[in-house]
Amino acid sequence: MTNDDGIDSPGLAALTRLAVGAGLDVVVAAPAEQSSGASAAITAVRDEGRTLMERRELPEHAGVPAWAVRAQPGHIVVAALTGWLDPVPDLVLSGINHGANVGRAVLHSGTVGAILTAAVHDVRGLAVSLDVALRPTGERTWGAADDLFPRVLELLLDAPPGTSLSLNVPDRPGAEHRELRHARLAEFGAVQARVDEVADGGLRLGEVEVGTAPEEGTDGALLAAGHPTLTALRSVAEDVGRLVPDRLARSERVRG
């Protein structure tokens, strides 16, 4: 269990509750601080080469081993799968993220980066995200994924090793959801970065909600219409056919 919102996130507590309720043997290892936008970075705060971390007790899950790690979620997953935890985890759950992870912008998500890192090690992963407005008001519905989680977990466990699934859930009670839909990625995410200020010595990045409607049938469009969405993601792989070997050889002859 990890996330990018940090060890004290209510979303992490909600997903831990679901994992424990499903009978999984759970270990929580999450960033000590907010790490949103970390993608699959493996940076960490170190002292004499050692990643800093401390044991924590989760208020509602006293029996679940938990660590606050001063590192990005990708770093935590790499450590967990390469010798830190014994036995080695065979499943990585990430979230529940405060905000949807839709469109090609999932590239930048630490929540998604955690499961794509797991896929590199042939470990199944599930990222769960709650569709929250950029500047939300009121309380979040952290139980929104409760009815969906058992179904999606079953799909994941039946899938080949290295499968990565991203589940996005509307921020409303499950009874108000429309049916779960498979969805392809939208061209853009729900929120985009922009430069708000440029001055001597630096610049200021801000975030804005995308004004244009996402393409029909994509994760962004279906989620906006009240559907939970499920998308299978592929981790890093070569793009077969993009670079034709014969053309590469001809370009080398021209240069020569």
Protein backbone atom coordinates (compact mmCIF):
# COMPACT_ATOMS: atom_id res chain seq x y z
CA MET A 1 0.00 0.00 0.00
CA THR A 2 1.35 3.40 -0.99
CA ASN A 3 0.19 6.75 -2.37
CA ASP A 4 1.49 10.19 -3.30
CA ASP A 5 -0.65 12.26 -0.89
CA GLY A 6 1.35 11.10 2.12
CA ILE A 7 1.06 8.71 5.03
CA ASP A 8 -1.61 10.79 6.80
CA SER A 9 -3.95 11.00 3.80
CA PRO A 10 -7.57 9.95 4.45
CA GLY A 11 -7.51 8.32 1.01
CA LEU A 12 -4.71 5.99 2.10
CA ALA A 13 -6.70 5.08 5.21
CA ALA A 14 -9.75 4.34 3.04
CA LEU A 15 -7.83 2.08 0.66
CA THR A 16 -6.13 0.31 3.57
CA ARG A 17 -9.58 -0.40 5.02
CA LEU A 18 -10.68 -1.94 1.72
CA ALA A 19 -7.52 -4.04 1.38
CA VAL A 20 -7.78 -5.36 4.94
CA GLY A 21 -11.47 -6.06 4.42
CA ALA A 22 -10.63 -8.08 1.30
CA GLY A 23 -8.39 -10.35 3.39
CA LEU A 24 -5.10 -9.12 1.99
CA ASP A 25 -1.92 -9.23 4.08
CA VAL A 26 -1.25 -5.49 4.11
CA VAL A 27 1.92 -3.48 4.61
CA VAL A 28 1.69 0.31 4.29
CA ALA A 29 4.69 2.31 3.10
CA ALA A 30 3.90 5.84 1.97
CA PRO A 31 5.71 9.17 1.60
CA ALA A 32 6.15 11.10 4.83
CA GLU A 33 5.02 14.23 2.99
CA GLN A 34 2.93 15.23 -0.03
CA SER A 35 4.53 13.85 -3.21
CA SER A 36 1.95 14.60 -5.90
CA GLY A 37 3.33 14.93 -9.40
CA ALA A 38 6.27 12.65 -8.62
CA SER A 39 5.54 10.30 -11.53
CA ALA A 40 7.83 7.25 -11.17
CA ALA A 41 10.72 9.19 -9.62
CA ILE A 42 12.97 7.23 -7.27
CA THR A 43 14.42 10.18 -5.37
CA ALA A 44 14.62 10.14 -1.58
CA VAL A 45 16.01 11.98 1.41
CA ARG A 46 19.11 10.10 2.52
CA ASP A 47 21.51 10.18 5.45
CA GLU A 48 24.85 8.54 4.68
CA GLY A 49 23.22 6.74 1.78
CA ARG A 50 20.26 5.41 3.76
CA THR A 51 16.68 6.38 2.90
CA LEU A 52 15.08 7.92 5.98
CA MET A 53 11.89 6.37 7.34
CA GLU A 54 10.06 5.75 10.58
CA ARG A 55 7.50 3.28 11.87
CA ARG A 56 3.98 4.64 12.19
CA GLU A 57 0.78 3.35 13.71
CA LEU A 58 -2.34 3.89 11.66
CA PRO A 59 -5.17 5.09 13.94
CA GLU A 60 -7.79 2.71 12.53
CA HIS A 61 -5.45 -0.19 11.71
CA ALA A 62 -3.16 -0.68 14.67
CA GLY A 63 -2.18 -4.19 13.55
CA VAL A 64 -1.06 -3.15 10.06
CA PRO A 65 2.70 -2.53 9.70
CA ALA A 66 3.22 1.02 8.43
CA TRP A 67 6.18 3.22 7.54
CA ALA A 68 6.44 6.91 6.70
CA VAL A 69 9.24 7.10 4.13
CA ARG A 70 11.00 10.28 3.10
CA ALA A 71 10.92 9.29 -0.53
CA GLN A 72 8.77 9.34 -3.64
CA PRO A 73 6.28 6.49 -4.15
CA GLY A 74 8.33 5.03 -7.01
CA HIS A 75 11.35 4.76 -4.71
CA ILE A 76 9.22 3.08 -2.05
CA VAL A 77 7.91 0.49 -4.51
CA VAL A 78 11.39 -0.30 -5.83
CA ALA A 79 12.67 -0.81 -2.27
CA ALA A 80 9.67 -2.95 -1.32
CA LEU A 81 10.13 -5.24 -4.32
CA THR A 82 13.90 -5.59 -4.24
CA GLY A 83 14.77 -6.68 -0.73
CA TRP A 84 13.22 -4.39 1.88
CA LEU A 85 10.03 -6.33 2.61
CA ASP A 86 9.95 -10.05 3.35
CA PRO A 87 8.03 -11.67 1.82
CA VAL A 88 8.21 -9.60 -1.35
CA PRO A 89 4.78 -8.08 -2.10
CA ASP A 90 2.89 -9.63 -5.01
CA LEU A 91 0.48 -6.68 -5.32
CA VAL A 92 0.85 -2.89 -5.14
CA LEU A 93 -2.18 -0.74 -4.27
CA SER A 94 -1.85 3.04 -4.61
CA GLY A 95 -4.26 5.77 -3.49
CA ILE A 96 -6.96 6.73 -2.93
CA ASN A 97 -5.71 9.88 -4.64
CA HIS A 98 -7.25 13.27 -3.89
CA GLY A 99 -8.10 14.09 -7.51
CA ALA A 100 -8.77 12.15 -10.67
CA ASN A 101 -5.92 10.66 -12.71
CA VAL A 102 -7.22 10.73 -16.27
CA GLY A 103 -5.85 11.35 -19.74
CA ARG A 104 -2.23 11.27 -20.79
CA ALA A 105 -1.43 13.41 -17.76
CA VAL A 106 -1.27 10.17 -15.75
CA LEU A 107 2.37 10.24 -16.85
CA HIS A 108 3.00 12.78 -14.07
CA SER A 109 1.02 11.10 -11.30
CA GLY A 110 2.89 9.63 -8.36
CA THR A 111 -0.17 7.48 -7.65
CA VAL A 112 0.02 5.94 -11.11
CA GLY A 113 3.83 6.01 -11.15
CA ALA A 114 3.83 3.60 -8.21
CA ILE A 115 1.93 0.88 -10.09
CA LEU A 116 3.86 1.39 -13.33
CA THR A 117 7.04 0.92 -11.31
CA ALA A 118 5.58 -2.31 -9.95
CA ALA A 119 4.86 -3.45 -13.51
CA VAL A 120 8.54 -3.16 -14.40
CA HIS A 121 9.05 -5.85 -11.76
CA ASP A 122 6.17 -7.98 -13.13
CA VAL A 123 3.99 -7.15 -10.12
CA ARG A 124 0.30 -6.34 -10.48
CA GLY A 125 -0.85 -2.89 -9.41
CA LEU A 126 -4.02 -0.87 -8.88
CA ALA A 127 -4.22 2.92 -8.62
CA VAL A 128 -7.45 4.36 -7.21
CA SER A 129 -8.35 8.06 -7.59
CA LEU A 130 -11.29 10.15 -6.43
CA ASP A 131 -12.59 12.78 -8.86
CA VAL A 132 -12.16 15.95 -6.81
CA ALA A 133 -12.37 19.47 -8.22
CA LEU A 134 -9.21 21.57 -8.34
CA ARG A 135 -10.60 23.83 -5.60
CA PRO A 136 -13.10 21.61 -3.80
CA THR A 137 -15.65 22.52 -1.16
CA GLY A 138 -17.35 20.32 1.40
CA GLU A 139 -16.38 16.81 2.46
CA ARG A 140 -14.89 14.09 0.28
CA THR A 141 -16.69 10.75 -0.23
CA TRP A 142 -13.81 8.45 0.69
CA GLY A 143 -16.15 5.44 0.64
CA ALA A 144 -17.00 6.00 -3.04
CA ALA A 145 -14.88 3.01 -4.16
CA ASP A 146 -16.22 0.57 -1.55
CA ASP A 147 -18.61 -1.34 -3.84
CA LEU A 148 -16.21 -1.30 -6.80
CA PHE A 149 -13.04 -2.44 -5.09
CA PRO A 150 -13.86 -6.18 -4.72
CA ARG A 151 -14.81 -6.45 -8.41
CA VAL A 152 -11.72 -4.63 -9.63
CA LEU A 153 -9.44 -6.53 -7.27
CA GLU A 154 -10.79 -9.82 -8.64
CA LEU A 155 -10.10 -8.66 -12.19
CA LEU A 156 -6.58 -7.66 -11.23
CA LEU A 157 -5.75 -10.92 -9.47
CA ASP A 158 -6.96 -12.88 -12.50
CA ALA A 159 -4.83 -10.76 -14.86
CA PRO A 160 -1.25 -11.59 -15.92
CA PRO A 161 1.65 -10.47 -13.70
CA GLY A 162 2.66 -6.88 -14.41
CA THR A 163 -0.90 -5.71 -15.12
CA SER A 164 -1.55 -2.08 -14.12
CA LEU A 165 -5.13 -0.86 -13.62
CA SER A 166 -6.25 2.70 -12.94
CA LEU A 167 -9.66 3.17 -11.30
CA ASN A 168 -11.24 6.63 -11.18
CA VAL A 169 -14.33 7.15 -9.04
CA PRO A 170 -16.82 10.06 -8.88
CA ASP A 171 -16.79 11.94 -5.58
CA ARG A 172 -20.27 10.83 -4.54
CA PRO A 173 -21.84 7.82 -2.80
CA GLY A 174 -21.75 4.59 -4.77
CA ALA A 175 -25.54 4.51 -5.05
CA GLU A 176 -25.30 7.65 -7.19
CA HIS A 177 -22.73 6.21 -9.62
CA ARG A 178 -23.56 5.09 -13.10
CA GLU A 179 -22.14 1.73 -14.26
CA LEU A 180 -18.40 1.03 -14.23
CA ARG A 181 -16.95 1.56 -17.71
CA HIS A 182 -13.73 0.57 -19.42
CA ALA A 183 -12.18 3.76 -20.79
CA ARG A 184 -9.32 4.84 -23.01
CA LEU A 185 -7.15 7.79 -21.99
CA ALA A 186 -8.26 11.29 -22.92
CA GLU A 187 -5.75 13.46 -24.77
CA PHE A 188 -5.39 15.75 -21.79
CA GLY A 189 -5.95 15.42 -18.06
CA ALA A 190 -8.62 17.20 -16.06
CA VAL A 191 -6.07 19.71 -14.76
CA GLN A 192 -3.19 21.28 -16.67
CA ALA A 193 -0.16 23.24 -15.56
CA ARG A 194 0.50 26.76 -16.77
CA VAL A 195 3.10 29.43 -16.11
CA ASP A 196 1.45 32.18 -14.05
CA GLU A 197 4.47 34.38 -13.52
CA VAL A 198 7.95 34.86 -14.93
CA ALA A 199 10.45 36.98 -13.03
CA ASP A 200 14.20 37.33 -12.63
CA GLY A 201 15.51 34.16 -11.07
CA GLY A 202 12.42 32.01 -11.39
CA LEU A 203 8.89 31.35 -12.53
CA ARG A 204 5.64 30.34 -10.90
CA LEU A 205 3.62 27.36 -12.13
CA GLY A 206 -0.10 27.19 -11.49
CA GLU A 207 -2.87 24.74 -12.30
CA VAL A 208 -6.10 25.24 -14.20
CA GLU A 209 -9.00 22.94 -15.00
CA VAL A 210 -9.23 22.04 -18.67
CA GLY A 211 -11.96 24.11 -20.30
CA THR A 212 -12.63 21.91 -23.33
CA ALA A 213 -14.73 18.75 -23.05
CA PRO A 214 -12.76 15.49 -23.35
CA GLU A 215 -13.39 13.20 -26.32
CA GLU A 216 -16.42 10.92 -26.12
CA GLY A 217 -15.69 7.52 -24.63
CA THR A 218 -12.51 8.60 -22.85
CA ASP A 219 -11.89 8.35 -19.12
CA GLY A 220 -12.33 12.09 -18.65
CA ALA A 221 -15.67 12.20 -20.46
CA LEU A 222 -17.12 9.11 -18.78
CA LEU A 223 -16.03 10.22 -15.32
CA ALA A 224 -17.60 13.64 -15.86
CA ALA A 225 -20.84 11.87 -16.80
CA GLY A 226 -20.88 10.01 -13.48
CA HIS A 227 -19.27 6.71 -14.50
CA PRO A 228 -16.44 5.13 -12.52
CA THR A 229 -13.78 4.27 -15.10
CA LEU A 230 -11.20 1.50 -15.35
CA THR A 231 -8.18 1.72 -17.64
CA ALA A 232 -5.37 -0.75 -18.17
CA LEU A 233 -2.04 1.04 -18.49
CA ARG A 234 1.19 -0.13 -20.08
CA SER A 235 4.49 0.56 -18.41
CA VAL A 236 7.59 1.60 -20.33
CA ALA A 237 8.13 -0.41 -23.52
CA GLU A 238 9.68 0.11 -26.93
CA ASP A 239 7.40 1.56 -29.61
CA VAL A 240 7.62 -1.18 -32.23
CA GLY A 241 7.36 0.19 -35.77
CA ARG A 242 7.81 3.87 -34.90
CA LEU A 243 11.44 3.89 -36.02
CA VAL A 244 11.91 1.75 -39.13
CA PRO A 245 15.37 0.09 -39.16
CA ASP A 246 15.82 0.60 -42.94
CA ARG A 247 15.19 4.34 -42.61
CA LEU A 248 17.63 4.56 -39.73
CA ALA A 249 20.28 2.83 -41.81
CA ARG A 250 19.65 5.19 -44.75
CA SER A 251 19.96 8.22 -42.47
CA GLU A 252 23.32 6.96 -41.25
CA ARG A 253 24.53 6.55 -44.88
CA VAL A 254 23.44 10.09 -45.69
CA ARG A 255 25.32 11.46 -42.69
CA GLY A 256 28.41 9.50 -43.73
